[in-house]
């Protein structure tokens, strides 16, 4: 069994998942400097087409659902940007995130 007590020159971090943890896909983000000027606000979203709010179908005499009635669909027009997370961070944390993303982009052969 490994030693459970770290040495004095070591700081051990334990990574735990909060009950609200989930994996998300991110297509983009918007953000701003917080009104105090001491932090960053970042909201990430997923883009998708709109899910219809209403669709009408024919119903056969036997109660079997028939095809959608053309032109009956009620839906938003355009692209939906559904916000997944809202993150607020102080400036040192934002700088650390910028450094991490830059490092990962270099590793992936992306934008430097």
PDB file of N, CA and C in Angstrom:
ATOM      1  N   UNK A   1       0.850  -1.189   0.000  1.00  0.00           N
ATOM      2  CA  UNK A   1       0.000   0.000   0.000  1.00  0.00           C
ATOM      3  C   UNK A   1       0.887   1.242   0.000  1.00  0.00           C
ATOM      4  N   UNK A   2       0.614   2.211  -0.923  1.00  0.00           N
ATOM      5  CA  UNK A   2       1.469   3.394  -0.979  1.00  0.00           C
ATOM      6  C   UNK A   2       1.315   4.254   0.266  1.00  0.00           C
ATOM      7  N   UNK A   3       2.369   5.015   0.537  1.00  0.00           N
ATOM      8  CA  UNK A   3       2.372   5.936   1.679  1.00  0.00           C
ATOM      9  C   UNK A   3       1.296   7.001   1.462  1.00  0.00           C
ATOM     10  N   UNK A   4       0.392   7.175   2.413  1.00  0.00           N
ATOM     11  CA  UNK A   4      -0.717   8.122   2.290  1.00  0.00           C
ATOM     12  C   UNK A   4      -0.347   9.543   2.695  1.00  0.00           C
ATOM     13  N   UNK A   5       0.809   9.721   3.352  1.00  0.00           N
ATOM     14  CA  UNK A   5       1.180  11.063   3.807  1.00  0.00           C
ATOM     15  C   UNK A   5       2.272  11.624   2.906  1.00  0.00           C
ATOM     16  N   UNK A   6       1.978  12.699   2.152  1.00  0.00           N
ATOM     17  CA  UNK A   6       2.984  13.278   1.270  1.00  0.00           C
ATOM     18  C   UNK A   6       4.106  13.924   2.081  1.00  0.00           C
ATOM     19  N   UNK A   7       5.275  14.055   1.474  1.00  0.00           N
ATOM     20  CA  UNK A   7       6.394  14.697   2.149  1.00  0.00           C
ATOM     21  C   UNK A   7       6.119  16.183   2.292  1.00  0.00           C
ATOM     22  N   UNK A   8       6.944  16.867   3.079  1.00  0.00           N
ATOM     23  CA  UNK A   8       6.737  18.293   3.359  1.00  0.00           C
ATOM     24  C   UNK A   8       6.975  19.170   2.139  1.00  0.00           C
ATOM     25  N   UNK A   9       7.709  18.674   1.147  1.00  0.00           N
ATOM     26  CA  UNK A   9       7.971  19.461  -0.052  1.00  0.00           C
ATOM     27  C   UNK A   9       7.065  19.038  -1.220  1.00  0.00           C
ATOM     28  N   UNK A  10       5.912  18.460  -0.884  1.00  0.00           N
ATOM     29  CA  UNK A  10       4.972  17.976  -1.887  1.00  0.00           C
ATOM     30  C   UNK A  10       3.566  18.422  -1.503  1.00  0.00           C
ATOM     31  N   UNK A  11       2.814  18.896  -2.485  1.00  0.00           N
ATOM     32  CA  UNK A  11       1.405  19.235  -2.269  1.00  0.00           C
ATOM     33  C   UNK A  11       0.593  18.342  -3.182  1.00  0.00           C
ATOM     34  N   UNK A  12      -0.205  17.473  -2.640  1.00  0.00           N
ATOM     35  CA  UNK A  12      -1.008  16.517  -3.411  1.00  0.00           C
ATOM     36  C   UNK A  12      -2.393  17.113  -3.672  1.00  0.00           C
ATOM     37  N   UNK A  13      -2.850  17.026  -4.922  1.00  0.00           N
ATOM     38  CA  UNK A  13      -4.186  17.469  -5.307  1.00  0.00           C
ATOM     39  C   UNK A  13      -5.037  16.233  -5.568  1.00  0.00           C
ATOM     40  N   UNK A  14      -6.237  16.217  -5.057  1.00  0.00           N
ATOM     41  CA  UNK A  14      -7.193  15.137  -5.294  1.00  0.00           C
ATOM     42  C   UNK A  14      -8.278  15.685  -6.210  1.00  0.00           C
ATOM     43  N   UNK A  15      -8.491  15.044  -7.339  1.00  0.00           N
ATOM     44  CA  UNK A  15      -9.495  15.483  -8.303  1.00  0.00           C
ATOM     45  C   UNK A  15     -10.775  14.695  -8.092  1.00  0.00           C
ATOM     46  N   UNK A  16     -11.844  15.391  -7.713  1.00  0.00           N
ATOM     47  CA  UNK A  16     -13.149  14.784  -7.474  1.00  0.00           C
ATOM     48  C   UNK A  16     -14.163  15.412  -8.425  1.00  0.00           C
ATOM     49  N   UNK A  17     -15.169  14.662  -8.798  1.00  0.00           N
ATOM     50  CA  UNK A  17     -16.228  15.179  -9.660  1.00  0.00           C
ATOM     51  C   UNK A  17     -17.433  15.549  -8.799  1.00  0.00           C
ATOM     52  N   UNK A  18     -17.839  16.802  -8.891  1.00  0.00           N
ATOM     53  CA  UNK A  18     -19.029  17.297  -8.219  1.00  0.00           C
ATOM     54  C   UNK A  18     -20.246  16.553  -8.756  1.00  0.00           C
ATOM     55  N   UNK A  19     -21.304  16.472  -7.981  1.00  0.00           N
ATOM     56  CA  UNK A  19     -22.526  15.800  -8.410  1.00  0.00           C
ATOM     57  C   UNK A  19     -23.130  16.393  -9.672  1.00  0.00           C
ATOM     58  N   UNK A  20     -22.813  17.662  -9.986  1.00  0.00           N
ATOM     59  CA  UNK A  20     -23.323  18.314 -11.194  1.00  0.00           C
ATOM     60  C   UNK A  20     -22.368  18.192 -12.374  1.00  0.00           C
ATOM     61  N   UNK A  21     -21.271  17.468 -12.199  1.00  0.00           N
ATOM     62  CA  UNK A  21     -20.281  17.329 -13.274  1.00  0.00           C
ATOM     63  C   UNK A  21     -20.899  16.645 -14.477  1.00  0.00           C
ATOM     64  N   UNK A  22     -20.556  17.151 -15.667  1.00  0.00           N
ATOM     65  CA  UNK A  22     -20.964  16.515 -16.913  1.00  0.00           C
ATOM     66  C   UNK A  22     -20.018  16.980 -18.008  1.00  0.00           C
ATOM     67  N   UNK A  23     -19.879  16.193 -19.027  1.00  0.00           N
ATOM     68  CA  UNK A  23     -19.057  16.550 -20.181  1.00  0.00           C
ATOM     69  C   UNK A  23     -19.948  17.274 -21.184  1.00  0.00           C
ATOM     70  N   UNK A  24     -19.431  18.343 -21.759  1.00  0.00           N
ATOM     71  CA  UNK A  24     -20.202  19.113 -22.733  1.00  0.00           C
ATOM     72  C   UNK A  24     -19.366  19.335 -23.988  1.00  0.00           C
ATOM     73  N   UNK A  25     -20.027  19.625 -25.087  1.00  0.00           N
ATOM     74  CA  UNK A  25     -19.383  20.032 -26.327  1.00  0.00           C
ATOM     75  C   UNK A  25     -19.475  21.555 -26.391  1.00  0.00           C
ATOM     76  N   UNK A  26     -18.408  22.231 -26.770  1.00  0.00           N
ATOM     77  CA  UNK A  26     -18.402  23.693 -26.847  1.00  0.00           C
ATOM     78  C   UNK A  26     -18.152  24.120 -28.285  1.00  0.00           C
ATOM     79  N   UNK A  27     -19.065  24.915 -28.829  1.00  0.00           N
ATOM     80  CA  UNK A  27     -18.899  25.479 -30.168  1.00  0.00           C
ATOM     81  C   UNK A  27     -18.392  26.914 -30.123  1.00  0.00           C
ATOM     82  N   UNK A  28     -18.548  27.570 -28.988  1.00  0.00           N
ATOM     83  CA  UNK A  28     -18.110  28.956 -28.886  1.00  0.00           C
ATOM     84  C   UNK A  28     -18.330  29.496 -27.489  1.00  0.00           C
ATOM     85  N   UNK A  29     -17.957  30.767 -27.333  1.00  0.00           N
ATOM     86  CA  UNK A  29     -18.098  31.413 -26.032  1.00  0.00           C
ATOM     87  C   UNK A  29     -18.237  32.917 -26.225  1.00  0.00           C
ATOM     88  N   UNK A  30     -18.844  33.537 -25.257  1.00  0.00           N
ATOM     89  CA  UNK A  30     -18.850  34.995 -25.170  1.00  0.00           C
ATOM     90  C   UNK A  30     -18.332  35.339 -23.782  1.00  0.00           C
ATOM     91  N   UNK A  31     -17.820  36.514 -23.629  1.00  0.00           N
ATOM     92  CA  UNK A  31     -17.300  36.875 -22.325  1.00  0.00           C
ATOM     93  C   UNK A  31     -17.125  38.367 -22.181  1.00  0.00           C
ATOM     94  N   UNK A  32     -16.765  38.750 -20.981  1.00  0.00           N
ATOM     95  CA  UNK A  32     -16.560  40.162 -20.667  1.00  0.00           C
ATOM     96  C   UNK A  32     -15.728  40.273 -19.403  1.00  0.00           C
ATOM     97  N   UNK A  33     -15.157  41.445 -19.222  1.00  0.00           N
ATOM     98  CA  UNK A  33     -14.491  41.750 -17.960  1.00  0.00           C
ATOM     99  C   UNK A  33     -15.596  42.057 -16.962  1.00  0.00           C
ATOM    100  N   UNK A  34     -15.480  41.538 -15.749  1.00  0.00           N
ATOM    101  CA  UNK A  34     -16.485  41.792 -14.722  1.00  0.00           C
ATOM    102  C   UNK A  34     -16.509  43.280 -14.381  1.00  0.00           C
ATOM    103  N   UNK A  35     -17.650  43.807 -13.954  1.00  0.00           N
ATOM    104  CA  UNK A  35     -17.768  45.242 -13.653  1.00  0.00           C
ATOM    105  C   UNK A  35     -16.717  45.763 -12.664  1.00  0.00           C
ATOM    106  N   UNK A  36     -16.239  44.911 -11.773  1.00  0.00           N
ATOM    107  CA  UNK A  36     -15.208  45.333 -10.821  1.00  0.00           C
ATOM    108  C   UNK A  36     -13.843  45.473 -11.486  1.00  0.00           C
ATOM    109  N   UNK A  37     -13.688  44.893 -12.684  1.00  0.00           N
ATOM    110  CA  UNK A  37     -12.406  44.907 -13.368  1.00  0.00           C
ATOM    111  C   UNK A  37     -11.426  43.894 -12.808  1.00  0.00           C
ATOM    112  N   UNK A  38     -11.867  43.075 -11.868  1.00  0.00           N
ATOM    113  CA  UNK A  38     -10.974  42.137 -11.188  1.00  0.00           C
ATOM    114  C   UNK A  38     -11.185  40.695 -11.631  1.00  0.00           C
ATOM    115  N   UNK A  39     -11.973  40.492 -12.671  1.00  0.00           N
ATOM    116  CA  UNK A  39     -12.239  39.123 -13.095  1.00  0.00           C
ATOM    117  C   UNK A  39     -12.809  39.072 -14.492  1.00  0.00           C
ATOM    118  N   UNK A  40     -12.985  37.846 -14.957  1.00  0.00           N
ATOM    119  CA  UNK A  40     -13.495  37.564 -16.297  1.00  0.00           C
ATOM    120  C   UNK A  40     -14.766  36.721 -16.176  1.00  0.00           C
ATOM    121  N   UNK A  41     -15.727  37.024 -17.029  1.00  0.00           N
ATOM    122  CA  UNK A  41     -16.959  36.244 -17.131  1.00  0.00           C
ATOM    123  C   UNK A  41     -16.912  35.564 -18.490  1.00  0.00           C
ATOM    124  N   UNK A  42     -17.099  34.243 -18.528  1.00  0.00           N
ATOM    125  CA  UNK A  42     -17.042  33.474 -19.765  1.00  0.00           C
ATOM    126  C   UNK A  42     -18.236  32.530 -19.812  1.00  0.00           C
ATOM    127  N   UNK A  43     -19.040  32.630 -20.854  1.00  0.00           N
ATOM    128  CA  UNK A  43     -20.197  31.746 -21.029  1.00  0.00           C
ATOM    129  C   UNK A  43     -19.988  30.945 -22.307  1.00  0.00           C
ATOM    130  N   UNK A  44     -20.046  29.610 -22.197  1.00  0.00           N
ATOM    131  CA  UNK A  44     -19.804  28.730 -23.340  1.00  0.00           C
ATOM    132  C   UNK A  44     -21.114  28.133 -23.836  1.00  0.00           C
ATOM    133  N   UNK A  45     -21.197  27.982 -25.159  1.00  0.00           N
ATOM    134  CA  UNK A  45     -22.442  27.498 -25.748  1.00  0.00           C
ATOM    135  C   UNK A  45     -22.208  26.416 -26.786  1.00  0.00           C
ATOM    136  N   UNK A  46     -23.305  25.711 -27.089  1.00  0.00           N
ATOM    137  CA  UNK A  46     -23.373  24.739 -28.168  1.00  0.00           C
ATOM    138  C   UNK A  46     -24.317  25.298 -29.220  1.00  0.00           C
ATOM    139  N   UNK A  47     -23.955  25.152 -30.495  1.00  0.00           N
ATOM    140  CA  UNK A  47     -24.834  25.611 -31.576  1.00  0.00           C
ATOM    141  C   UNK A  47     -25.580  24.424 -32.165  1.00  0.00           C
ATOM    142  N   UNK A  48     -26.828  24.670 -32.528  1.00  0.00           N
ATOM    143  CA  UNK A  48     -27.654  23.629 -33.133  1.00  0.00           C
ATOM    144  C   UNK A  48     -28.815  24.279 -33.868  1.00  0.00           C
ATOM    145  N   UNK A  49     -29.490  23.488 -34.682  1.00  0.00           N
ATOM    146  CA  UNK A  49     -30.726  23.978 -35.288  1.00  0.00           C
ATOM    147  C   UNK A  49     -31.821  23.905 -34.220  1.00  0.00           C
ATOM    148  N   UNK A  50     -32.858  24.638 -34.439  1.00  0.00           N
ATOM    149  CA  UNK A  50     -33.951  24.692 -33.464  1.00  0.00           C
ATOM    150  C   UNK A  50     -34.745  23.392 -33.443  1.00  0.00           C
ATOM    151  N   UNK A  51     -35.171  23.018 -32.260  1.00  0.00           N
ATOM    152  CA  UNK A  51     -36.080  21.881 -32.097  1.00  0.00           C
ATOM    153  C   UNK A  51     -37.487  22.429 -32.291  1.00  0.00           C
ATOM    154  N   UNK A  52     -38.305  21.782 -33.106  1.00  0.00           N
ATOM    155  CA  UNK A  52     -39.659  22.311 -33.332  1.00  0.00           C
ATOM    156  C   UNK A  52     -40.444  22.438 -32.030  1.00  0.00           C
ATOM    157  N   UNK A  53     -41.243  23.495 -31.955  1.00  0.00           N
ATOM    158  CA  UNK A  53     -42.114  23.701 -30.799  1.00  0.00           C
ATOM    159  C   UNK A  53     -43.437  22.968 -30.994  1.00  0.00           C
ATOM    160  N   UNK A  54     -43.770  22.735 -32.275  1.00  0.00           N
ATOM    161  CA  UNK A  54     -45.042  22.067 -32.576  1.00  0.00           C
ATOM    162  C   UNK A  54     -44.964  21.434 -33.955  1.00  0.00           C
ATOM    163  N   UNK A  55     -45.490  20.216 -34.066  1.00  0.00           N
ATOM    164  CA  UNK A  55     -45.565  19.511 -35.349  1.00  0.00           C
ATOM    165  C   UNK A  55     -46.916  18.795 -35.397  1.00  0.00           C
ATOM    166  N   UNK A  56     -47.623  18.932 -36.506  1.00  0.00           N
ATOM    167  CA  UNK A  56     -48.906  18.247 -36.684  1.00  0.00           C
ATOM    168  C   UNK A  56     -48.720  17.041 -37.611  1.00  0.00           C
ATOM    169  N   UNK A  57     -49.382  15.931 -37.255  1.00  0.00           N
ATOM    170  CA  UNK A  57     -49.362  14.715 -38.072  1.00  0.00           C
ATOM    171  C   UNK A  57     -50.796  14.316 -38.369  1.00  0.00           C
ATOM    172  N   UNK A  58     -50.987  13.613 -39.457  1.00  0.00           N
ATOM    173  CA  UNK A  58     -52.303  13.046 -39.735  1.00  0.00           C
ATOM    174  C   UNK A  58     -52.498  11.846 -38.817  1.00  0.00           C
ATOM    175  N   UNK A  59     -53.725  11.511 -38.579  1.00  0.00           N
ATOM    176  CA  UNK A  59     -54.059  10.355 -37.741  1.00  0.00           C
ATOM    177  C   UNK A  59     -55.033   9.502 -38.528  1.00  0.00           C
ATOM    178  N   UNK A  60     -54.650   8.261 -38.785  1.00  0.00           N
ATOM    179  CA  UNK A  60     -55.498   7.356 -39.554  1.00  0.00           C
ATOM    180  C   UNK A  60     -56.732   6.941 -38.767  1.00  0.00           C
ATOM    181  N   UNK A  61     -57.748   6.422 -39.473  1.00  0.00           N
ATOM    182  CA  UNK A  61     -58.983   5.951 -38.840  1.00  0.00           C
ATOM    183  C   UNK A  61     -58.703   4.851 -37.831  1.00  0.00           C
ATOM    184  N   UNK A  62     -57.593   4.118 -38.041  1.00  0.00           N
ATOM    185  CA  UNK A  62     -57.230   3.031 -37.117  1.00  0.00           C
ATOM    186  C   UNK A  62     -56.396   3.536 -35.938  1.00  0.00           C
ATOM    187  N   UNK A  63     -56.190   4.879 -35.875  1.00  0.00           N
ATOM    188  CA  UNK A  63     -55.433   5.467 -34.766  1.00  0.00           C
ATOM    189  C   UNK A  63     -53.939   5.459 -34.962  1.00  0.00           C
ATOM    190  N   UNK A  64     -53.461   5.030 -36.141  1.00  0.00           N
ATOM    191  CA  UNK A  64     -52.026   4.988 -36.422  1.00  0.00           C
ATOM    192  C   UNK A  64     -51.558   6.377 -36.846  1.00  0.00           C
ATOM    193  N   UNK A  65     -50.444   6.789 -36.287  1.00  0.00           N
ATOM    194  CA  UNK A  65     -49.862   8.088 -36.601  1.00  0.00           C
ATOM    195  C   UNK A  65     -49.385   8.114 -38.037  1.00  0.00           C
ATOM    196  N   UNK A  66     -49.822   9.124 -38.760  1.00  0.00           N
ATOM    197  CA  UNK A  66     -49.439   9.278 -40.157  1.00  0.00           C
ATOM    198  C   UNK A  66     -48.312  10.276 -40.322  1.00  0.00           C
ATOM    199  N   UNK A  67     -48.042  10.675 -41.547  1.00  0.00           N
ATOM    200  CA  UNK A  67     -46.937  11.596 -41.818  1.00  0.00           C
ATOM    201  C   UNK A  67     -47.197  13.002 -41.267  1.00  0.00           C
ATOM    202  N   UNK A  68     -46.096  13.735 -41.120  1.00  0.00           N
ATOM    203  CA  UNK A  68     -46.183  15.143 -40.696  1.00  0.00           C
ATOM    204  C   UNK A  68     -46.910  15.926 -41.777  1.00  0.00           C
ATOM    205  N   UNK A  69     -47.757  16.840 -41.360  1.00  0.00           N
ATOM    206  CA  UNK A  69     -48.480  17.691 -42.302  1.00  0.00           C
ATOM    207  C   UNK A  69     -47.538  18.811 -42.727  1.00  0.00           C
ATOM    208  N   UNK A  70     -47.229  18.841 -44.014  1.00  0.00           N
ATOM    209  CA  UNK A  70     -46.291  19.822 -44.546  1.00  0.00           C
ATOM    210  C   UNK A  70     -46.761  21.245 -44.249  1.00  0.00           C
ATOM    211  N   UNK A  71     -45.843  22.063 -43.774  1.00  0.00           N
ATOM    212  CA  UNK A  71     -46.150  23.463 -43.474  1.00  0.00           C
ATOM    213  C   UNK A  71     -46.722  23.686 -42.085  1.00  0.00           C
ATOM    214  N   UNK A  72     -46.927  22.618 -41.305  1.00  0.00           N
ATOM    215  CA  UNK A  72     -47.538  22.788 -39.982  1.00  0.00           C
ATOM    216  C   UNK A  72     -46.507  23.012 -38.870  1.00  0.00           C
ATOM    217  N   UNK A  73     -45.251  22.792 -39.192  1.00  0.00           N
ATOM    218  CA  UNK A  73     -44.200  22.865 -38.171  1.00  0.00           C
ATOM    219  C   UNK A  73     -44.027  24.293 -37.664  1.00  0.00           C
ATOM    220  N   UNK A  74     -44.016  24.452 -36.329  1.00  0.00           N
ATOM    221  CA  UNK A  74     -43.760  25.743 -35.699  1.00  0.00           C
ATOM    222  C   UNK A  74     -42.394  25.639 -35.026  1.00  0.00           C
ATOM    223  N   UNK A  75     -41.477  26.516 -35.451  1.00  0.00           N
ATOM    224  CA  UNK A  75     -40.119  26.436 -34.934  1.00  0.00           C
ATOM    225  C   UNK A  75     -39.441  27.799 -35.034  1.00  0.00           C
ATOM    226  N   UNK A  76     -38.394  27.984 -34.266  1.00  0.00           N
ATOM    227  CA  UNK A  76     -37.594  29.198 -34.371  1.00  0.00           C
ATOM    228  C   UNK A  76     -36.843  29.158 -35.702  1.00  0.00           C
ATOM    229  N   UNK A  77     -36.551  30.316 -36.236  1.00  0.00           N
ATOM    230  CA  UNK A  77     -35.741  30.422 -37.436  1.00  0.00           C
ATOM    231  C   UNK A  77     -34.307  30.736 -37.024  1.00  0.00           C
ATOM    232  N   UNK A  78     -33.355  30.206 -37.756  1.00  0.00           N
ATOM    233  CA  UNK A  78     -31.955  30.507 -37.474  1.00  0.00           C
ATOM    234  C   UNK A  78     -31.294  29.431 -36.631  1.00  0.00           C
ATOM    235  N   UNK A  79     -30.169  29.807 -36.043  1.00  0.00           N
ATOM    236  CA  UNK A  79     -29.352  28.903 -35.247  1.00  0.00           C
ATOM    237  C   UNK A  79     -29.555  29.204 -33.766  1.00  0.00           C
ATOM    238  N   UNK A  80     -29.675  28.145 -32.976  1.00  0.00           N
ATOM    239  CA  UNK A  80     -29.821  28.289 -31.526  1.00  0.00           C
ATOM    240  C   UNK A  80     -28.436  28.158 -30.894  1.00  0.00           C
ATOM    241  N   UNK A  81     -28.086  29.080 -30.044  1.00  0.00           N
ATOM    242  CA  UNK A  81     -26.879  28.977 -29.228  1.00  0.00           C
ATOM    243  C   UNK A  81     -27.340  28.719 -27.801  1.00  0.00           C
ATOM    244  N   UNK A  82     -27.195  27.482 -27.387  1.00  0.00           N
ATOM    245  CA  UNK A  82     -27.659  27.075 -26.062  1.00  0.00           C
ATOM    246  C   UNK A  82     -26.481  27.137 -25.095  1.00  0.00           C
ATOM    247  N   UNK A  83     -26.596  28.003 -24.094  1.00  0.00           N
ATOM    248  CA  UNK A  83     -25.515  28.172 -23.135  1.00  0.00           C
ATOM    249  C   UNK A  83     -25.463  26.992 -22.187  1.00  0.00           C
ATOM    250  N   UNK A  84     -24.267  26.433 -22.046  1.00  0.00           N
ATOM    251  CA  UNK A  84     -24.044  25.234 -21.246  1.00  0.00           C
ATOM    252  C   UNK A  84     -23.458  25.561 -19.874  1.00  0.00           C
ATOM    253  N   UNK A  85     -22.472  26.455 -19.844  1.00  0.00           N
ATOM    254  CA  UNK A  85     -21.853  26.822 -18.565  1.00  0.00           C
ATOM    255  C   UNK A  85     -21.566  28.310 -18.533  1.00  0.00           C
ATOM    256  N   UNK A  86     -21.532  28.844 -17.352  1.00  0.00           N
ATOM    257  CA  UNK A  86     -21.212  30.237 -17.089  1.00  0.00           C
ATOM    258  C   UNK A  86     -20.075  30.224 -16.076  1.00  0.00           C
ATOM    259  N   UNK A  87     -18.917  30.720 -16.450  1.00  0.00           N
ATOM    260  CA  UNK A  87     -17.755  30.663 -15.567  1.00  0.00           C
ATOM    261  C   UNK A  87     -17.301  32.073 -15.200  1.00  0.00           C
ATOM    262  N   UNK A  88     -17.010  32.271 -13.941  1.00  0.00           N
ATOM    263  CA  UNK A  88     -16.479  33.529 -13.438  1.00  0.00           C
ATOM    264  C   UNK A  88     -15.134  33.219 -12.799  1.00  0.00           C
ATOM    265  N   UNK A  89     -14.096  33.980 -13.166  1.00  0.00           N
ATOM    266  CA  UNK A  89     -12.763  33.694 -12.635  1.00  0.00           C
ATOM    267  C   UNK A  89     -11.994  34.980 -12.400  1.00  0.00           C
ATOM    268  N   UNK A  90     -11.066  34.925 -11.442  1.00  0.00           N
ATOM    269  CA  UNK A  90     -10.209  36.084 -11.209  1.00  0.00           C
ATOM    270  C   UNK A  90      -9.161  36.147 -12.325  1.00  0.00           C
ATOM    271  N   UNK A  91      -8.420  37.252 -12.382  1.00  0.00           N
ATOM    272  CA  UNK A  91      -7.479  37.447 -13.477  1.00  0.00           C
ATOM    273  C   UNK A  91      -6.347  36.415 -13.490  1.00  0.00           C
ATOM    274  N   UNK A  92      -5.755  36.042 -12.342  1.00  0.00           N
ATOM    275  CA  UNK A  92      -4.718  35.000 -12.387  1.00  0.00           C
ATOM    276  C   UNK A  92      -5.248  33.661 -12.925  1.00  0.00           C
ATOM    277  N   UNK A  93      -6.475  33.321 -12.587  1.00  0.00           N
ATOM    278  CA  UNK A  93      -7.058  32.078 -13.099  1.00  0.00           C
ATOM    279  C   UNK A  93      -7.284  32.179 -14.605  1.00  0.00           C
ATOM    280  N   UNK A  94      -7.749  33.335 -15.083  1.00  0.00           N
ATOM    281  CA  UNK A  94      -7.952  33.532 -16.523  1.00  0.00           C
ATOM    282  C   UNK A  94      -6.622  33.429 -17.269  1.00  0.00           C
ATOM    283  N   UNK A  95      -5.555  34.000 -16.694  1.00  0.00           N
ATOM    284  CA  UNK A  95      -4.233  33.912 -17.318  1.00  0.00           C
ATOM    285  C   UNK A  95      -3.753  32.462 -17.357  1.00  0.00           C
ATOM    286  N   UNK A  96      -4.017  31.710 -16.295  1.00  0.00           N
ATOM    287  CA  UNK A  96      -3.642  30.300 -16.240  1.00  0.00           C
ATOM    288  C   UNK A  96      -4.414  29.507 -17.296  1.00  0.00           C
ATOM    289  N   UNK A  97      -5.685  29.806 -17.476  1.00  0.00           N
ATOM    290  CA  UNK A  97      -6.499  29.142 -18.497  1.00  0.00           C
ATOM    291  C   UNK A  97      -5.972  29.472 -19.889  1.00  0.00           C
ATOM    292  N   UNK A  98      -5.598  30.723 -20.114  1.00  0.00           N
ATOM    293  CA  UNK A  98      -5.032  31.128 -21.401  1.00  0.00           C
ATOM    294  C   UNK A  98      -3.738  30.359 -21.676  1.00  0.00           C
ATOM    295  N   UNK A  99      -2.902  30.226 -20.674  1.00  0.00           N
ATOM    296  CA  UNK A  99      -1.646  29.486 -20.821  1.00  0.00           C
ATOM    297  C   UNK A  99      -1.912  28.011 -21.133  1.00  0.00           C
ATOM    298  N   UNK A 100      -2.863  27.417 -20.426  1.00  0.00           N
ATOM    299  CA  UNK A 100      -3.208  26.014 -20.663  1.00  0.00           C
ATOM    300  C   UNK A 100      -3.718  25.812 -22.088  1.00  0.00           C
ATOM    301  N   UNK A 101      -4.630  26.663 -22.540  1.00  0.00           N
ATOM    302  CA  UNK A 101      -5.166  26.531 -23.899  1.00  0.00           C
ATOM    303  C   UNK A 101      -4.077  26.712 -24.949  1.00  0.00           C
ATOM    304  N   UNK A 102      -3.174  27.666 -24.732  1.00  0.00           N
ATOM    305  CA  UNK A 102      -2.063  27.876 -25.660  1.00  0.00           C
ATOM    306  C   UNK A 102      -1.172  26.655 -25.747  1.00  0.00           C
ATOM    307  N   UNK A 103      -0.885  26.046 -24.596  1.00  0.00           N
ATOM    308  CA  UNK A 103      -0.054  24.850 -24.544  1.00  0.00           C
ATOM    309  C   UNK A 103      -0.731  23.679 -25.262  1.00  0.00           C
ATOM    310  N   UNK A 104      -2.024  23.513 -25.026  1.00  0.00           N
ATOM    311  CA  UNK A 104      -2.763  22.418 -25.667  1.00  0.00           C
ATOM    312  C   UNK A 104      -2.857  22.610 -27.177  1.00  0.00           C
ATOM    313  N   UNK A 105      -3.005  23.862 -27.618  1.00  0.00           N
ATOM    314  CA  UNK A 105      -3.045  24.143 -29.056  1.00  0.00           C
ATOM    315  C   UNK A 105      -1.709  23.793 -29.714  1.00  0.00           C
ATOM    316  N   UNK A 106      -0.619  24.107 -29.043  1.00  0.00           N
ATOM    317  CA  UNK A 106       0.705  23.764 -29.578  1.00  0.00           C
ATOM    318  C   UNK A 106       0.858  22.253 -29.666  1.00  0.00           C
ATOM    319  N   UNK A 107       0.434  21.523 -28.624  1.00  0.00           N
ATOM    320  CA  UNK A 107       0.528  20.072 -28.625  1.00  0.00           C
ATOM    321  C   UNK A 107      -0.286  19.456 -29.759  1.00  0.00           C
ATOM    322  N   UNK A 108      -1.433  20.054 -30.034  1.00  0.00           N
ATOM    323  CA  UNK A 108      -2.330  19.529 -31.065  1.00  0.00           C
ATOM    324  C   UNK A 108      -1.930  19.974 -32.460  1.00  0.00           C
ATOM    325  N   UNK A 109      -0.915  20.837 -32.553  1.00  0.00           N
ATOM    326  CA  UNK A 109      -0.476  21.334 -33.866  1.00  0.00           C
ATOM    327  C   UNK A 109      -1.390  22.388 -34.408  1.00  0.00           C
ATOM    328  N   UNK A 110      -2.144  23.011 -33.543  1.00  0.00           N
ATOM    329  CA  UNK A 110      -3.083  24.042 -33.973  1.00  0.00           C
ATOM    330  C   UNK A 110      -2.462  25.422 -33.965  1.00  0.00           C
ATOM    331  N   UNK A 111      -3.287  26.403 -33.811  1.00  0.00           N
ATOM    332  CA  UNK A 111      -2.876  27.810 -33.809  1.00  0.00           C
ATOM    333  C   UNK A 111      -1.897  28.042 -32.663  1.00  0.00           C
ATOM    334  N   UNK A 112      -0.840  28.804 -32.936  1.00  0.00           N
ATOM    335  CA  UNK A 112       0.143  29.112 -31.883  1.00  0.00           C
ATOM    336  C   UNK A 112       0.071  30.571 -31.505  1.00  0.00           C
TER     337      UNK A 112
END
